[in-house]
């Protein structure tokens, strides 16, 4: 059974940085997309960033230039380095994965079939 475990959330002041980690276990596919979504209180869950098996990255416009997604295949881990954090980045951040050679729907949560439990990120002003 596939399991995703996030870590690295916390409280940080505006302008600060955090690095989220997501460790994947129980999967066997060599082709995949791993993504981060976030959900602020009272709002829908939104796409943040993704990376596929070939290293292609995708970002929502509001985090481009501030967030960087990367992966360490040897550790089965995906990272989200977040910088220049703003209060509006406050949310629960979820790691998600889909297994197989997908080439579309990267920004759409319904295309992902594995989810982590989420980690809280709070940015104070």
N, C-alpha and C. Protein backbone atom coordinates (compact mmCIF):
# COMPACT_ATOMS: atom_id res chain seq x y z
N UNK A 1 0.84 -1.18 0.00
CA UNK A 1 0.00 0.00 0.00
C UNK A 1 0.88 1.24 0.00
N UNK A 2 0.54 2.19 -0.89
CA UNK A 2 1.31 3.41 -0.99
C UNK A 2 1.06 4.30 0.22
N UNK A 3 2.13 4.86 0.75
CA UNK A 3 2.01 5.77 1.88
C UNK A 3 2.86 7.00 1.61
N UNK A 4 2.30 8.17 1.89
CA UNK A 4 3.02 9.43 1.78
C UNK A 4 3.03 10.08 3.16
N UNK A 5 4.22 10.49 3.61
CA UNK A 5 4.34 11.10 4.92
C UNK A 5 5.04 12.44 4.78
N UNK A 6 4.34 13.51 5.14
CA UNK A 6 4.90 14.86 5.06
C UNK A 6 5.52 15.26 6.38
N UNK A 7 6.45 16.18 6.30
CA UNK A 7 7.04 16.79 7.49
C UNK A 7 7.61 18.15 7.10
N UNK A 8 7.93 18.94 8.12
CA UNK A 8 8.60 20.21 7.88
C UNK A 8 7.76 21.45 8.05
N UNK A 9 6.48 21.28 8.32
CA UNK A 9 5.64 22.44 8.52
C UNK A 9 5.96 23.13 9.83
N UNK A 10 5.37 24.31 10.03
CA UNK A 10 5.60 25.03 11.26
C UNK A 10 5.16 26.47 11.16
N UNK A 11 5.59 27.25 12.14
CA UNK A 11 5.27 28.68 12.20
C UNK A 11 6.50 29.47 11.81
N UNK A 12 6.32 30.41 10.90
CA UNK A 12 7.44 31.23 10.43
C UNK A 12 6.94 32.64 10.20
N UNK A 13 7.83 33.61 10.34
CA UNK A 13 7.46 34.99 10.07
C UNK A 13 7.46 35.26 8.58
N UNK A 14 6.69 36.25 8.19
CA UNK A 14 6.66 36.66 6.79
C UNK A 14 8.08 36.98 6.33
N UNK A 15 8.38 36.52 5.13
CA UNK A 15 9.71 36.69 4.58
C UNK A 15 10.64 35.53 4.86
N UNK A 16 10.23 34.64 5.74
CA UNK A 16 11.05 33.51 6.12
C UNK A 16 10.94 32.34 5.15
N UNK A 17 11.58 31.24 5.53
CA UNK A 17 11.64 30.05 4.68
C UNK A 17 11.29 28.80 5.46
N UNK A 18 10.79 27.81 4.75
CA UNK A 18 10.55 26.48 5.30
C UNK A 18 10.80 25.47 4.19
N UNK A 19 11.17 24.26 4.58
CA UNK A 19 11.28 23.18 3.60
C UNK A 19 10.40 22.02 4.04
N UNK A 20 9.47 21.67 3.18
CA UNK A 20 8.61 20.52 3.41
C UNK A 20 9.21 19.29 2.74
N UNK A 21 9.00 18.15 3.38
CA UNK A 21 9.46 16.88 2.82
C UNK A 21 8.28 15.91 2.73
N UNK A 22 8.33 15.04 1.74
CA UNK A 22 7.31 14.01 1.57
C UNK A 22 8.03 12.71 1.20
N UNK A 23 7.93 11.74 2.07
CA UNK A 23 8.56 10.45 1.81
C UNK A 23 7.49 9.48 1.33
N UNK A 24 7.77 8.84 0.20
CA UNK A 24 6.83 7.88 -0.40
C UNK A 24 7.33 6.46 -0.17
N UNK A 25 6.40 5.58 0.14
CA UNK A 25 6.76 4.17 0.30
C UNK A 25 5.64 3.31 -0.27
N UNK A 26 6.01 2.08 -0.65
CA UNK A 26 5.02 1.13 -1.11
C UNK A 26 4.64 1.22 -2.56
N UNK A 27 5.34 2.06 -3.35
CA UNK A 27 5.02 2.18 -4.77
C UNK A 27 6.06 1.44 -5.59
N UNK A 28 5.70 1.06 -6.82
CA UNK A 28 6.62 0.32 -7.65
C UNK A 28 6.82 0.94 -9.02
N UNK A 29 6.02 1.94 -9.37
CA UNK A 29 6.11 2.53 -10.70
C UNK A 29 7.32 3.44 -10.83
N UNK A 30 7.99 3.35 -11.97
CA UNK A 30 9.12 4.23 -12.24
C UNK A 30 8.66 5.53 -12.88
N UNK A 31 7.42 5.61 -13.27
CA UNK A 31 6.86 6.85 -13.81
C UNK A 31 5.80 7.36 -12.85
N UNK A 32 5.85 8.64 -12.57
CA UNK A 32 4.97 9.19 -11.53
C UNK A 32 4.99 10.72 -11.62
N UNK A 33 4.04 11.31 -10.93
CA UNK A 33 4.06 12.74 -10.66
C UNK A 33 3.83 12.92 -9.17
N UNK A 34 4.65 13.72 -8.56
CA UNK A 34 4.48 14.04 -7.14
C UNK A 34 4.18 15.53 -7.06
N UNK A 35 3.24 15.88 -6.20
CA UNK A 35 2.78 17.25 -6.15
C UNK A 35 2.53 17.70 -4.72
N UNK A 36 2.45 18.99 -4.58
CA UNK A 36 2.02 19.63 -3.34
C UNK A 36 0.77 20.44 -3.63
N UNK A 37 -0.21 20.25 -2.77
CA UNK A 37 -1.42 21.05 -2.77
C UNK A 37 -1.52 21.73 -1.41
N UNK A 38 -2.35 22.75 -1.30
CA UNK A 38 -2.56 23.39 0.00
C UNK A 38 -4.01 23.79 0.15
N UNK A 39 -4.43 23.83 1.40
CA UNK A 39 -5.79 24.20 1.71
C UNK A 39 -5.80 25.17 2.88
N UNK A 40 -6.21 26.38 2.59
CA UNK A 40 -6.36 27.40 3.62
C UNK A 40 -7.73 27.24 4.28
N UNK A 41 -7.88 27.76 5.51
CA UNK A 41 -9.16 27.62 6.21
C UNK A 41 -10.32 28.18 5.39
N UNK A 42 -11.36 27.38 5.25
CA UNK A 42 -12.55 27.81 4.54
C UNK A 42 -12.43 27.86 3.03
N UNK A 43 -11.32 27.35 2.50
CA UNK A 43 -11.11 27.40 1.06
C UNK A 43 -10.90 26.01 0.49
N UNK A 44 -10.99 25.92 -0.81
CA UNK A 44 -10.76 24.65 -1.49
C UNK A 44 -9.27 24.32 -1.50
N UNK A 45 -8.96 23.07 -1.74
CA UNK A 45 -7.57 22.65 -1.84
C UNK A 45 -7.05 23.02 -3.22
N UNK A 46 -5.90 23.68 -3.26
CA UNK A 46 -5.36 24.20 -4.51
C UNK A 46 -3.98 23.61 -4.83
N UNK A 47 -3.70 23.51 -6.09
CA UNK A 47 -2.40 23.06 -6.56
C UNK A 47 -1.33 24.09 -6.22
N UNK A 48 -0.14 23.60 -5.83
CA UNK A 48 0.99 24.48 -5.57
C UNK A 48 2.13 24.20 -6.54
N UNK A 49 2.59 22.94 -6.57
CA UNK A 49 3.73 22.59 -7.41
C UNK A 49 3.74 21.09 -7.65
N UNK A 50 4.41 20.67 -8.71
CA UNK A 50 4.54 19.25 -9.02
C UNK A 50 5.85 18.99 -9.74
N UNK A 51 6.28 17.75 -9.68
CA UNK A 51 7.47 17.31 -10.40
C UNK A 51 7.22 15.90 -10.91
N UNK A 52 7.62 15.62 -12.14
CA UNK A 52 7.38 14.27 -12.65
C UNK A 52 8.67 13.46 -12.67
N UNK A 53 8.54 12.22 -13.16
CA UNK A 53 9.67 11.30 -13.11
C UNK A 53 10.87 11.79 -13.91
N UNK A 54 10.60 12.64 -14.89
CA UNK A 54 11.69 13.16 -15.71
C UNK A 54 12.29 14.44 -15.16
N UNK A 55 11.72 14.94 -14.07
CA UNK A 55 12.23 16.17 -13.48
C UNK A 55 11.55 17.44 -13.94
N UNK A 56 10.54 17.32 -14.78
CA UNK A 56 9.80 18.51 -15.21
C UNK A 56 8.99 19.04 -14.03
N UNK A 57 9.05 20.35 -13.85
CA UNK A 57 8.37 20.97 -12.72
C UNK A 57 7.24 21.87 -13.17
N UNK A 58 6.27 22.03 -12.29
CA UNK A 58 5.10 22.85 -12.55
C UNK A 58 4.81 23.66 -11.29
N UNK A 59 4.41 24.91 -11.48
CA UNK A 59 4.10 25.77 -10.34
C UNK A 59 2.85 26.59 -10.62
N UNK A 60 2.12 26.88 -9.56
CA UNK A 60 1.05 27.86 -9.67
C UNK A 60 1.72 29.23 -9.69
N UNK A 61 1.10 30.17 -10.37
CA UNK A 61 1.73 31.46 -10.58
C UNK A 61 2.13 32.19 -9.31
N UNK A 62 1.32 32.04 -8.26
CA UNK A 62 1.56 32.81 -7.04
C UNK A 62 2.81 32.38 -6.28
N UNK A 63 3.38 31.23 -6.61
CA UNK A 63 4.58 30.77 -5.89
C UNK A 63 5.81 30.73 -6.78
N UNK A 64 5.66 31.01 -8.05
CA UNK A 64 6.82 30.99 -8.96
C UNK A 64 7.86 31.98 -8.49
N UNK A 65 9.10 31.53 -8.45
CA UNK A 65 10.19 32.38 -8.01
C UNK A 65 10.39 32.37 -6.51
N UNK A 66 9.42 31.82 -5.76
CA UNK A 66 9.54 31.75 -4.30
C UNK A 66 9.66 30.31 -3.80
N UNK A 67 8.99 29.39 -4.46
CA UNK A 67 9.00 27.98 -4.06
C UNK A 67 9.76 27.16 -5.10
N UNK A 68 10.41 26.11 -4.63
CA UNK A 68 11.11 25.19 -5.52
C UNK A 68 10.79 23.76 -5.12
N UNK A 69 10.31 22.99 -6.08
CA UNK A 69 10.05 21.57 -5.83
C UNK A 69 11.21 20.77 -6.39
N UNK A 70 11.61 19.75 -5.65
CA UNK A 70 12.72 18.89 -6.08
C UNK A 70 12.49 17.48 -5.56
N UNK A 71 13.30 16.55 -6.03
CA UNK A 71 13.14 15.16 -5.59
C UNK A 71 14.49 14.50 -5.42
N UNK A 72 14.51 13.54 -4.53
CA UNK A 72 15.68 12.71 -4.31
C UNK A 72 15.22 11.27 -4.51
N UNK A 73 15.52 10.72 -5.68
CA UNK A 73 15.04 9.38 -6.00
C UNK A 73 15.57 8.33 -5.04
N UNK A 74 16.79 8.49 -4.61
CA UNK A 74 17.40 7.50 -3.72
C UNK A 74 16.68 7.43 -2.38
N UNK A 75 16.09 8.56 -1.98
CA UNK A 75 15.40 8.62 -0.69
C UNK A 75 13.88 8.57 -0.85
N UNK A 76 13.41 8.42 -2.10
CA UNK A 76 11.96 8.42 -2.36
C UNK A 76 11.28 9.62 -1.71
N UNK A 77 11.92 10.76 -1.85
CA UNK A 77 11.47 11.96 -1.16
C UNK A 77 11.33 13.12 -2.14
N UNK A 78 10.26 13.88 -1.93
CA UNK A 78 10.04 15.11 -2.67
C UNK A 78 10.07 16.26 -1.67
N UNK A 79 10.68 17.35 -2.07
CA UNK A 79 10.81 18.51 -1.20
C UNK A 79 10.08 19.71 -1.81
N UNK A 80 9.64 20.58 -0.93
CA UNK A 80 9.12 21.88 -1.36
C UNK A 80 9.85 22.93 -0.53
N UNK A 81 10.80 23.60 -1.16
CA UNK A 81 11.52 24.68 -0.51
C UNK A 81 10.71 25.95 -0.71
N UNK A 82 10.30 26.55 0.40
CA UNK A 82 9.44 27.73 0.34
C UNK A 82 10.21 28.93 0.87
N UNK A 83 10.29 29.98 0.10
CA UNK A 83 10.97 31.19 0.52
C UNK A 83 10.09 32.40 0.34
N UNK A 84 10.53 33.51 0.92
CA UNK A 84 9.77 34.77 0.87
C UNK A 84 8.31 34.52 1.22
N UNK A 85 8.12 33.79 2.29
CA UNK A 85 6.76 33.39 2.66
C UNK A 85 5.90 34.58 3.03
N UNK A 86 4.63 34.46 2.69
CA UNK A 86 3.65 35.51 2.95
C UNK A 86 2.52 34.94 3.82
N UNK A 87 1.82 35.80 4.53
CA UNK A 87 0.69 35.30 5.34
C UNK A 87 -0.32 34.51 4.51
N UNK A 88 -0.49 34.87 3.26
CA UNK A 88 -1.44 34.15 2.41
C UNK A 88 -0.97 32.76 2.02
N UNK A 89 0.27 32.41 2.36
CA UNK A 89 0.74 31.03 2.15
C UNK A 89 0.31 30.10 3.28
N UNK A 90 -0.28 30.67 4.33
CA UNK A 90 -0.75 29.87 5.45
C UNK A 90 -1.80 28.87 4.99
N UNK A 91 -1.56 27.60 5.28
CA UNK A 91 -2.46 26.53 4.84
C UNK A 91 -1.95 25.20 5.36
N UNK A 92 -2.78 24.18 5.21
CA UNK A 92 -2.31 22.81 5.38
C UNK A 92 -1.78 22.38 4.02
N UNK A 93 -0.57 21.90 3.99
CA UNK A 93 0.07 21.47 2.75
C UNK A 93 0.03 19.95 2.67
N UNK A 94 -0.45 19.47 1.52
CA UNK A 94 -0.60 18.05 1.29
C UNK A 94 0.31 17.58 0.16
N UNK A 95 0.94 16.45 0.40
CA UNK A 95 1.70 15.78 -0.64
C UNK A 95 0.76 14.84 -1.38
N UNK A 96 0.90 14.77 -2.69
CA UNK A 96 0.06 13.89 -3.49
C UNK A 96 0.90 13.20 -4.55
N UNK A 97 0.42 12.04 -5.00
CA UNK A 97 1.16 11.31 -6.02
C UNK A 97 0.21 10.59 -6.96
N UNK A 98 0.64 10.42 -8.17
CA UNK A 98 -0.08 9.58 -9.12
C UNK A 98 0.97 8.75 -9.83
N UNK A 99 0.61 7.51 -10.09
CA UNK A 99 1.59 6.56 -10.59
C UNK A 99 1.29 6.21 -12.03
N UNK A 100 2.27 6.40 -12.90
CA UNK A 100 2.10 6.13 -14.31
C UNK A 100 2.54 7.33 -15.11
N UNK A 101 2.66 7.15 -16.45
CA UNK A 101 3.16 8.22 -17.33
C UNK A 101 2.08 9.22 -17.72
N UNK A 102 1.54 9.96 -16.75
CA UNK A 102 0.55 10.99 -17.05
C UNK A 102 1.23 12.17 -17.72
N UNK A 103 0.52 12.78 -18.66
CA UNK A 103 1.04 13.98 -19.30
C UNK A 103 0.05 15.13 -19.26
N UNK A 104 -1.03 14.97 -18.53
CA UNK A 104 -2.01 16.03 -18.43
C UNK A 104 -2.65 16.01 -17.06
N UNK A 105 -3.43 17.03 -16.77
CA UNK A 105 -4.16 17.08 -15.50
C UNK A 105 -3.27 17.29 -14.29
N UNK A 106 -2.06 17.79 -14.51
CA UNK A 106 -1.10 17.92 -13.42
C UNK A 106 -1.60 18.82 -12.31
N UNK A 107 -2.41 19.83 -12.67
CA UNK A 107 -2.87 20.81 -11.70
C UNK A 107 -4.17 20.39 -11.02
N UNK A 108 -4.71 19.24 -11.39
CA UNK A 108 -6.04 18.83 -10.94
C UNK A 108 -5.95 17.73 -9.89
N UNK A 109 -6.50 17.99 -8.72
CA UNK A 109 -6.32 17.04 -7.62
C UNK A 109 -6.98 15.70 -7.89
N UNK A 110 -8.02 15.65 -8.70
CA UNK A 110 -8.70 14.37 -8.92
C UNK A 110 -7.85 13.38 -9.70
N UNK A 111 -6.76 13.85 -10.30
CA UNK A 111 -5.88 12.93 -11.04
C UNK A 111 -4.88 12.24 -10.13
N UNK A 112 -4.81 12.63 -8.88
CA UNK A 112 -3.86 12.05 -7.93
C UNK A 112 -4.58 11.01 -7.07
N UNK A 113 -3.94 9.87 -6.86
CA UNK A 113 -4.60 8.79 -6.13
C UNK A 113 -3.95 8.43 -4.81
N UNK A 114 -2.89 9.14 -4.43
CA UNK A 114 -2.28 8.91 -3.13
C UNK A 114 -2.08 10.26 -2.46
N UNK A 115 -2.42 10.32 -1.18
CA UNK A 115 -2.34 11.59 -0.45
C UNK A 115 -1.72 11.38 0.92
N UNK A 116 -0.98 12.39 1.36
CA UNK A 116 -0.47 12.39 2.71
C UNK A 116 -1.49 12.98 3.67
N UNK A 117 -1.11 13.05 4.92
CA UNK A 117 -2.04 13.51 5.96
C UNK A 117 -2.04 15.03 6.09
N UNK A 118 -1.06 15.68 5.51
CA UNK A 118 -0.98 17.14 5.56
C UNK A 118 -0.08 17.64 6.67
N UNK A 119 0.50 18.81 6.43
CA UNK A 119 1.34 19.46 7.43
C UNK A 119 1.00 20.95 7.43
N UNK A 120 0.86 21.51 8.62
CA UNK A 120 0.42 22.90 8.75
C UNK A 120 1.59 23.85 8.55
N UNK A 121 1.37 24.85 7.73
CA UNK A 121 2.31 25.96 7.56
C UNK A 121 1.58 27.23 7.94
N UNK A 122 2.14 27.95 8.90
CA UNK A 122 1.54 29.21 9.35
C UNK A 122 2.57 30.31 9.20
N UNK A 123 2.20 31.36 8.47
CA UNK A 123 3.09 32.50 8.25
C UNK A 123 2.50 33.70 8.96
N UNK A 124 3.23 34.24 9.91
CA UNK A 124 2.74 35.38 10.66
C UNK A 124 3.23 36.68 10.04
N UNK A 125 2.43 37.70 10.17
CA UNK A 125 2.78 39.00 9.56
C UNK A 125 3.58 39.86 10.52
